[in-house]
PDB file of all heavy atoms in Angstrom:
ATOM      1  N   GLN A   1     -17.753  -7.454 -11.447  1.00  0.00           N
ATOM      2  CA  GLN A   1     -16.322  -7.736 -11.642  1.00  0.00           C
ATOM      3  C   GLN A   1     -15.486  -6.431 -11.529  1.00  0.00           C
ATOM      4  O   GLN A   1     -14.437  -6.415 -10.920  1.00  0.00           O
ATOM      5  CB  GLN A   1     -16.065  -8.430 -12.965  1.00  0.00           C
ATOM      6  CG  GLN A   1     -16.652  -9.802 -13.085  1.00  0.00           C
ATOM      7  CD  GLN A   1     -18.088  -9.817 -13.590  1.00  0.00           C
ATOM      8  OE1 GLN A   1     -18.736  -8.786 -13.712  1.00  0.00           O
ATOM      9  NE2 GLN A   1     -18.588 -11.003 -13.877  1.00  0.00           N
ATOM     10  N   ILE A   2     -16.007  -5.388 -12.161  1.00  0.00           N
ATOM     11  CA  ILE A   2     -15.308  -4.115 -12.140  1.00  0.00           C
ATOM     12  C   ILE A   2     -15.253  -3.593 -10.684  1.00  0.00           C
ATOM     13  O   ILE A   2     -14.205  -3.128 -10.215  1.00  0.00           O
ATOM     14  CB  ILE A   2     -15.931  -3.071 -13.089  1.00  0.00           C
ATOM     15  CG1 ILE A   2     -15.815  -3.585 -14.533  1.00  0.00           C
ATOM     16  CG2 ILE A   2     -15.281  -1.697 -12.939  1.00  0.00           C
ATOM     17  CD1 ILE A   2     -16.661  -2.802 -15.484  1.00  0.00           C
ATOM     18  N   LYS A   3     -16.349  -3.711  -9.965  1.00  0.00           N
ATOM     19  CA  LYS A   3     -16.351  -3.199  -8.593  1.00  0.00           C
ATOM     20  C   LYS A   3     -15.401  -4.054  -7.723  1.00  0.00           C
ATOM     21  O   LYS A   3     -14.693  -3.451  -6.873  1.00  0.00           O
ATOM     22  CB  LYS A   3     -17.802  -3.288  -7.985  1.00  0.00           C
ATOM     23  CG  LYS A   3     -17.844  -2.729  -6.573  1.00  0.00           C
ATOM     24  CD  LYS A   3     -19.234  -2.733  -6.019  1.00  0.00           C
ATOM     25  CE  LYS A   3     -19.184  -2.186  -4.607  1.00  0.00           C
ATOM     26  NZ  LYS A   3     -20.471  -2.297  -3.938  1.00  0.00           N
ATOM     27  N   LEU A   4     -15.332  -5.338  -7.929  1.00  0.00           N
ATOM     28  CA  LEU A   4     -14.414  -6.155  -7.198  1.00  0.00           C
ATOM     29  C   LEU A   4     -12.953  -5.755  -7.436  1.00  0.00           C
ATOM     30  O   LEU A   4     -12.159  -5.643  -6.512  1.00  0.00           O
ATOM     31  CB  LEU A   4     -14.608  -7.651  -7.558  1.00  0.00           C
ATOM     32  CG  LEU A   4     -13.596  -8.638  -6.883  1.00  0.00           C
ATOM     33  CD1 LEU A   4     -13.784  -8.646  -5.386  1.00  0.00           C
ATOM     34  CD2 LEU A   4     -13.810 -10.039  -7.466  1.00  0.00           C
ATOM     35  N   VAL A   5     -12.623  -5.495  -8.710  1.00  0.00           N
ATOM     36  CA  VAL A   5     -11.278  -5.059  -9.038  1.00  0.00           C
ATOM     37  C   VAL A   5     -11.001  -3.690  -8.366  1.00  0.00           C
ATOM     38  O   VAL A   5      -9.928  -3.475  -7.756  1.00  0.00           O
ATOM     39  CB  VAL A   5     -11.080  -4.936 -10.543  1.00  0.00           C
ATOM     40  CG1 VAL A   5      -9.832  -4.214 -10.913  1.00  0.00           C
ATOM     41  CG2 VAL A   5     -11.102  -6.294 -11.196  1.00  0.00           C
ATOM     42  N   HIS A   6     -11.971  -2.791  -8.402  1.00  0.00           N
ATOM     43  CA  HIS A   6     -11.796  -1.449  -7.826  1.00  0.00           C
ATOM     44  C   HIS A   6     -11.609  -1.551  -6.309  1.00  0.00           C
ATOM     45  O   HIS A   6     -10.653  -0.977  -5.735  1.00  0.00           O
ATOM     46  CB  HIS A   6     -13.039  -0.584  -8.128  1.00  0.00           C
ATOM     47  CG  HIS A   6     -12.965   0.757  -7.551  1.00  0.00           C
ATOM     48  ND1 HIS A   6     -12.054   1.716  -7.938  1.00  0.00           N
ATOM     49  CD2 HIS A   6     -13.691   1.331  -6.548  1.00  0.00           C
ATOM     50  CE1 HIS A   6     -12.241   2.802  -7.225  1.00  0.00           C
ATOM     51  NE2 HIS A   6     -13.223   2.607  -6.372  1.00  0.00           N
ATOM     52  N   VAL A   7     -12.484  -2.273  -5.626  1.00  0.00           N
ATOM     53  CA  VAL A   7     -12.360  -2.425  -4.160  1.00  0.00           C
ATOM     54  C   VAL A   7     -11.044  -3.110  -3.769  1.00  0.00           C
ATOM     55  O   VAL A   7     -10.401  -2.681  -2.806  1.00  0.00           O
ATOM     56  CB  VAL A   7     -13.589  -3.132  -3.589  1.00  0.00           C
ATOM     57  CG1 VAL A   7     -13.418  -3.453  -2.115  1.00  0.00           C
ATOM     58  CG2 VAL A   7     -14.853  -2.290  -3.811  1.00  0.00           C
ATOM     59  N   SER A   8     -10.690  -4.097  -4.512  1.00  0.00           N
ATOM     60  CA  SER A   8      -9.416  -4.802  -4.231  1.00  0.00           C
ATOM     61  C   SER A   8      -8.229  -3.850  -4.408  1.00  0.00           C
ATOM     62  O   SER A   8      -7.308  -3.833  -3.590  1.00  0.00           O
ATOM     63  CB  SER A   8      -9.254  -5.997  -5.168  1.00  0.00           C
ATOM     64  OG  SER A   8     -10.266  -6.940  -4.951  1.00  0.00           O
ATOM     65  N   ALA A   9      -8.283  -3.043  -5.465  1.00  0.00           N
ATOM     66  CA  ALA A   9      -7.186  -2.076  -5.697  1.00  0.00           C
ATOM     67  C   ALA A   9      -7.150  -1.010  -4.603  1.00  0.00           C
ATOM     68  O   ALA A   9      -6.076  -0.582  -4.205  1.00  0.00           O
ATOM     69  CB  ALA A   9      -7.337  -1.462  -7.074  1.00  0.00           C
ATOM     70  N   VAL A  10      -8.310  -0.609  -4.108  1.00  0.00           N
ATOM     71  CA  VAL A  10      -8.356   0.370  -2.971  1.00  0.00           C
ATOM     72  C   VAL A  10      -7.625  -0.249  -1.775  1.00  0.00           C
ATOM     73  O   VAL A  10      -6.796   0.423  -1.135  1.00  0.00           O
ATOM     74  CB  VAL A  10      -9.819   0.737  -2.638  1.00  0.00           C
ATOM     75  CG1 VAL A  10      -9.886   1.449  -1.306  1.00  0.00           C
ATOM     76  CG2 VAL A  10     -10.453   1.548  -3.733  1.00  0.00           C
ATOM     77  N   MET A  11      -7.965  -1.464  -1.441  1.00  0.00           N
ATOM     78  CA  MET A  11      -7.384  -2.103  -0.240  1.00  0.00           C
ATOM     79  C   MET A  11      -5.860  -2.314  -0.488  1.00  0.00           C
ATOM     80  O   MET A  11      -5.066  -2.076   0.445  1.00  0.00           O
ATOM     81  CB  MET A  11      -8.040  -3.431   0.013  1.00  0.00           C
ATOM     82  CG  MET A  11      -9.496  -3.341   0.436  1.00  0.00           C
ATOM     83  SD  MET A  11      -9.663  -2.409   2.004  1.00  0.00           S
ATOM     84  CE  MET A  11     -10.485  -0.945   1.442  1.00  0.00           C
ATOM     85  N   LEU A  12      -5.476  -2.724  -1.661  1.00  0.00           N
ATOM     86  CA  LEU A  12      -4.013  -2.885  -1.960  1.00  0.00           C
ATOM     87  C   LEU A  12      -3.303  -1.545  -1.860  1.00  0.00           C
ATOM     88  O   LEU A  12      -2.202  -1.456  -1.319  1.00  0.00           O
ATOM     89  CB  LEU A  12      -3.830  -3.490  -3.331  1.00  0.00           C
ATOM     90  CG  LEU A  12      -3.937  -5.010  -3.461  1.00  0.00           C
ATOM     91  CD1 LEU A  12      -3.920  -5.436  -4.926  1.00  0.00           C
ATOM     92  CD2 LEU A  12      -2.796  -5.647  -2.679  1.00  0.00           C
ATOM     93  N   SER A  13      -3.873  -0.512  -2.427  1.00  0.00           N
ATOM     94  CA  SER A  13      -3.255   0.802  -2.463  1.00  0.00           C
ATOM     95  C   SER A  13      -3.049   1.302  -1.043  1.00  0.00           C
ATOM     96  O   SER A  13      -1.923   1.738  -0.691  1.00  0.00           O
ATOM     97  CB  SER A  13      -4.116   1.800  -3.249  1.00  0.00           C
ATOM     98  OG  SER A  13      -3.518   3.093  -3.225  1.00  0.00           O
ATOM     99  N   GLY A  14      -4.050   1.261  -0.222  1.00  0.00           N
ATOM    100  CA  GLY A  14      -3.955   1.749   1.158  1.00  0.00           C
ATOM    101  C   GLY A  14      -3.018   0.926   1.979  1.00  0.00           C
ATOM    102  O   GLY A  14      -2.199   1.468   2.743  1.00  0.00           O
ATOM    103  N   SER A  15      -3.082  -0.383   1.835  1.00  0.00           N
ATOM    104  CA  SER A  15      -2.192  -1.284   2.595  1.00  0.00           C
ATOM    105  C   SER A  15      -0.733  -1.131   2.224  1.00  0.00           C
ATOM    106  O   SER A  15       0.142  -1.052   3.084  1.00  0.00           O
ATOM    107  CB  SER A  15      -2.610  -2.749   2.405  1.00  0.00           C
ATOM    108  OG  SER A  15      -3.911  -2.970   2.843  1.00  0.00           O
ATOM    109  N   PHE A  16      -0.483  -1.019   0.890  1.00  0.00           N
ATOM    110  CA  PHE A  16       0.904  -0.891   0.443  1.00  0.00           C
ATOM    111  C   PHE A  16       1.427   0.469   0.818  1.00  0.00           C
ATOM    112  O   PHE A  16       2.629   0.616   1.205  1.00  0.00           O
ATOM    113  CB  PHE A  16       0.962  -1.114  -1.090  1.00  0.00           C
ATOM    114  CG  PHE A  16       2.358  -1.375  -1.601  1.00  0.00           C
ATOM    115  CD1 PHE A  16       3.167  -2.319  -1.032  1.00  0.00           C
ATOM    116  CD2 PHE A  16       2.830  -0.595  -2.641  1.00  0.00           C
ATOM    117  CE1 PHE A  16       4.456  -2.539  -1.485  1.00  0.00           C
ATOM    118  CE2 PHE A  16       4.111  -0.802  -3.127  1.00  0.00           C
ATOM    119  CZ  PHE A  16       4.937  -1.776  -2.558  1.00  0.00           C
ATOM    120  N   PHE A  17       0.607   1.530   0.782  1.00  0.00           N
ATOM    121  CA  PHE A  17       1.027   2.847   1.230  1.00  0.00           C
ATOM    122  C   PHE A  17       1.414   2.804   2.691  1.00  0.00           C
ATOM    123  O   PHE A  17       2.471   3.330   3.123  1.00  0.00           O
ATOM    124  CB  PHE A  17      -0.085   3.883   0.999  1.00  0.00           C
ATOM    125  CG  PHE A  17       0.199   5.201   1.598  1.00  0.00           C
ATOM    126  CD1 PHE A  17       1.065   6.096   0.979  1.00  0.00           C
ATOM    127  CD2 PHE A  17      -0.353   5.586   2.810  1.00  0.00           C
ATOM    128  CE1 PHE A  17       1.358   7.317   1.558  1.00  0.00           C
ATOM    129  CE2 PHE A  17      -0.075   6.807   3.391  1.00  0.00           C
ATOM    130  CZ  PHE A  17       0.784   7.666   2.734  1.00  0.00           C
ATOM    131  N   ALA A  18       0.586   2.155   3.537  1.00  0.00           N
ATOM    132  CA  ALA A  18       0.866   2.075   4.966  1.00  0.00           C
ATOM    133  C   ALA A  18       2.178   1.282   5.217  1.00  0.00           C
ATOM    134  O   ALA A  18       2.992   1.700   6.035  1.00  0.00           O
ATOM    135  CB  ALA A  18      -0.318   1.405   5.684  1.00  0.00           C
ATOM    136  N   LEU A  19       2.347   0.168   4.518  1.00  0.00           N
ATOM    137  CA  LEU A  19       3.550  -0.613   4.679  1.00  0.00           C
ATOM    138  C   LEU A  19       4.795   0.169   4.279  1.00  0.00           C
ATOM    139  O   LEU A  19       5.777   0.192   5.013  1.00  0.00           O
ATOM    140  CB  LEU A  19       3.444  -1.897   3.829  1.00  0.00           C
ATOM    141  CG  LEU A  19       4.666  -2.799   3.836  1.00  0.00           C
ATOM    142  CD1 LEU A  19       4.913  -3.354   5.232  1.00  0.00           C
ATOM    143  CD2 LEU A  19       4.482  -3.925   2.841  1.00  0.00           C
ATOM    144  N   ARG A  20       4.718   0.838   3.134  1.00  0.00           N
ATOM    145  CA  ARG A  20       5.875   1.656   2.711  1.00  0.00           C
ATOM    146  C   ARG A  20       6.135   2.796   3.650  1.00  0.00           C
ATOM    147  O   ARG A  20       7.292   3.102   4.007  1.00  0.00           O
ATOM    148  CB  ARG A  20       5.623   2.217   1.297  1.00  0.00           C
ATOM    149  CG  ARG A  20       5.755   1.158   0.207  1.00  0.00           C
ATOM    150  CD  ARG A  20       5.439   1.755  -1.167  1.00  0.00           C
ATOM    151  NE  ARG A  20       6.498   2.693  -1.524  1.00  0.00           N
ATOM    152  CZ  ARG A  20       6.315   3.783  -2.280  1.00  0.00           C
ATOM    153  NH1 ARG A  20       5.100   4.077  -2.748  1.00  0.00           N
ATOM    154  NH2 ARG A  20       7.291   4.577  -2.574  1.00  0.00           N
ATOM    155  N   GLY A  21       5.059   3.500   4.118  1.00  0.00           N
ATOM    156  CA  GLY A  21       5.228   4.598   5.020  1.00  0.00           C
ATOM    157  C   GLY A  21       5.827   4.222   6.349  1.00  0.00           C
ATOM    158  O   GLY A  21       6.724   4.893   6.859  1.00  0.00           O
ATOM    159  N   LEU A  22       5.309   3.152   6.943  1.00  0.00           N
ATOM    160  CA  LEU A  22       5.825   2.686   8.199  1.00  0.00           C
ATOM    161  C   LEU A  22       7.305   2.212   8.089  1.00  0.00           C
ATOM    162  O   LEU A  22       8.099   2.436   8.961  1.00  0.00           O
ATOM    163  CB  LEU A  22       4.933   1.568   8.785  1.00  0.00           C
ATOM    164  CG  LEU A  22       3.567   2.010   9.225  1.00  0.00           C
ATOM    165  CD1 LEU A  22       2.705   0.800   9.615  1.00  0.00           C
ATOM    166  CD2 LEU A  22       3.662   3.007  10.415  1.00  0.00           C
ATOM    167  N   SER A  23       7.607   1.565   6.971  1.00  0.00           N
ATOM    168  CA  SER A  23       8.955   1.095   6.737  1.00  0.00           C
ATOM    169  C   SER A  23       9.899   2.259   6.599  1.00  0.00           C
ATOM    170  O   SER A  23      11.026   2.274   7.121  1.00  0.00           O
ATOM    171  CB  SER A  23       9.040   0.239   5.471  1.00  0.00           C
ATOM    172  OG  SER A  23       8.275  -0.939   5.640  1.00  0.00           O
ATOM    173  N   LEU A  24       9.423   3.321   5.934  1.00  0.00           N
ATOM    174  CA  LEU A  24      10.273   4.528   5.756  1.00  0.00           C
ATOM    175  C   LEU A  24      10.477   5.186   7.126  1.00  0.00           C
ATOM    176  O   LEU A  24      11.610   5.629   7.447  1.00  0.00           O
ATOM    177  CB  LEU A  24       9.591   5.485   4.827  1.00  0.00           C
ATOM    178  CG  LEU A  24      10.460   6.498   4.102  1.00  0.00           C
ATOM    179  CD1 LEU A  24      11.555   5.800   3.306  1.00  0.00           C
ATOM    180  CD2 LEU A  24       9.610   7.327   3.180  1.00  0.00           C
ATOM    181  N   LEU A  25       9.458   5.237   7.949  1.00  0.00           N
ATOM    182  CA  LEU A  25       9.593   5.828   9.282  1.00  0.00           C
ATOM    183  C   LEU A  25      10.555   5.015  10.164  1.00  0.00           C
ATOM    184  O   LEU A  25      11.228   5.556  11.059  1.00  0.00           O
ATOM    185  CB  LEU A  25       8.232   5.902  10.020  1.00  0.00           C
ATOM    186  CG  LEU A  25       7.301   6.990   9.503  1.00  0.00           C
ATOM    187  CD1 LEU A  25       5.941   6.919  10.173  1.00  0.00           C
ATOM    188  CD2 LEU A  25       7.916   8.373   9.669  1.00  0.00           C
ATOM    189  N   ALA A  26      10.634   3.688   9.884  1.00  0.00           N
ATOM    190  CA  ALA A  26      11.533   2.823  10.636  1.00  0.00           C
ATOM    191  C   ALA A  26      12.996   2.930  10.108  1.00  0.00           C
ATOM    192  O   ALA A  26      13.894   2.270  10.631  1.00  0.00           O
ATOM    193  CB  ALA A  26      11.087   1.372  10.520  1.00  0.00           C
ATOM    194  N   GLY A  27      13.201   3.765   9.079  1.00  0.00           N
ATOM    195  CA  GLY A  27      14.546   3.983   8.554  1.00  0.00           C
ATOM    196  C   GLY A  27      14.968   3.055   7.465  1.00  0.00           C
ATOM    197  O   GLY A  27      16.142   3.071   7.054  1.00  0.00           O
ATOM    198  N   LEU A  28      14.062   2.258   6.969  1.00  0.00           N
ATOM    199  CA  LEU A  28      14.349   1.356   5.849  1.00  0.00           C
ATOM    200  C   LEU A  28      14.382   2.104   4.521  1.00  0.00           C
ATOM    201  O   LEU A  28      13.624   3.063   4.379  1.00  0.00           O
ATOM    202  CB  LEU A  28      13.359   0.188   5.828  1.00  0.00           C
ATOM    203  CG  LEU A  28      13.283  -0.649   7.114  1.00  0.00           C
ATOM    204  CD1 LEU A  28      12.182  -1.668   6.974  1.00  0.00           C
ATOM    205  CD2 LEU A  28      14.597  -1.305   7.424  1.00  0.00           C
ATOM    206  N   GLN A  29      15.164   1.641   3.601  1.00  0.00           N
ATOM    207  CA  GLN A  29      15.290   2.333   2.308  1.00  0.00           C
ATOM    208  C   GLN A  29      14.516   1.673   1.203  1.00  0.00           C
ATOM    209  O   GLN A  29      14.323   2.292   0.125  1.00  0.00           O
ATOM    210  CB  GLN A  29      16.791   2.471   1.932  1.00  0.00           C
ATOM    211  CG  GLN A  29      17.530   3.395   2.810  1.00  0.00           C
ATOM    212  CD  GLN A  29      16.948   4.795   2.847  1.00  0.00           C
ATOM    213  OE1 GLN A  29      16.666   5.390   1.818  1.00  0.00           O
ATOM    214  NE2 GLN A  29      16.703   5.318   4.040  1.00  0.00           N
ATOM    215  N   TRP A  30      14.048   0.441   1.356  1.00  0.00           N
ATOM    216  CA  TRP A  30      13.362  -0.239   0.261  1.00  0.00           C
ATOM    217  C   TRP A  30      12.134   0.511  -0.270  1.00  0.00           C
ATOM    218  O   TRP A  30      11.846   0.375  -1.473  1.00  0.00           O
ATOM    219  CB  TRP A  30      13.015  -1.710   0.644  1.00  0.00           C
ATOM    220  CG  TRP A  30      11.872  -1.834   1.617  1.00  0.00           C
ATOM    221  CD1 TRP A  30      12.020  -2.024   2.972  1.00  0.00           C
ATOM    222  CD2 TRP A  30      10.480  -1.846   1.325  1.00  0.00           C
ATOM    223  NE1 TRP A  30      10.749  -2.090   3.541  1.00  0.00           N
ATOM    224  CE2 TRP A  30       9.789  -2.012   2.531  1.00  0.00           C
ATOM    225  CE3 TRP A  30       9.744  -1.720   0.169  1.00  0.00           C
ATOM    226  CZ2 TRP A  30       8.429  -2.070   2.630  1.00  0.00           C
ATOM    227  CZ3 TRP A  30       8.366  -1.754   0.267  1.00  0.00           C
ATOM    228  CH2 TRP A  30       7.713  -1.938   1.467  1.00  0.00           C
ATOM    229  N   PRO A  31      11.390   1.259   0.518  1.00  0.00           N
ATOM    230  CA  PRO A  31      10.229   1.929  -0.018  1.00  0.00           C
ATOM    231  C   PRO A  31      10.559   2.929  -1.109  1.00  0.00           C
ATOM    232  O   PRO A  31       9.683   3.301  -1.928  1.00  0.00           O
ATOM    233  CB  PRO A  31       9.584   2.672   1.162  1.00  0.00           C
ATOM    234  CG  PRO A  31      10.080   1.910   2.369  1.00  0.00           C
ATOM    235  CD  PRO A  31      11.461   1.448   1.988  1.00  0.00           C
ATOM    236  N   ARG A  32      11.796   3.399  -1.195  1.00  0.00           N
ATOM    237  CA  ARG A  32      12.184   4.373  -2.206  1.00  0.00           C
ATOM    238  C   ARG A  32      12.735   3.719  -3.478  1.00  0.00           C
ATOM    239  O   ARG A  32      12.989   4.388  -4.448  1.00  0.00           O
ATOM    240  CB  ARG A  32      13.218   5.348  -1.632  1.00  0.00           C
ATOM    241  CG  ARG A  32      12.611   6.312  -0.698  1.00  0.00           C
ATOM    242  CD  ARG A  32      13.529   7.539  -0.596  1.00  0.00           C
ATOM    243  NE  ARG A  32      13.025   8.421   0.382  1.00  0.00           N
ATOM    244  CZ  ARG A  32      13.549   8.567   1.613  1.00  0.00           C
ATOM    245  NH1 ARG A  32      14.573   7.824   1.984  1.00  0.00           N
ATOM    246  NH2 ARG A  32      13.018   9.413   2.466  1.00  0.00           N
TER     247      ARG A  32
END
């Protein structure tokens, strides 16, 4: 269970970082 939470959080962290970063590069302000 702990490993599942950890791996899920890794995927969420990386995905959300990519989404925020690409949105910021596109000139959107919501990531801030």
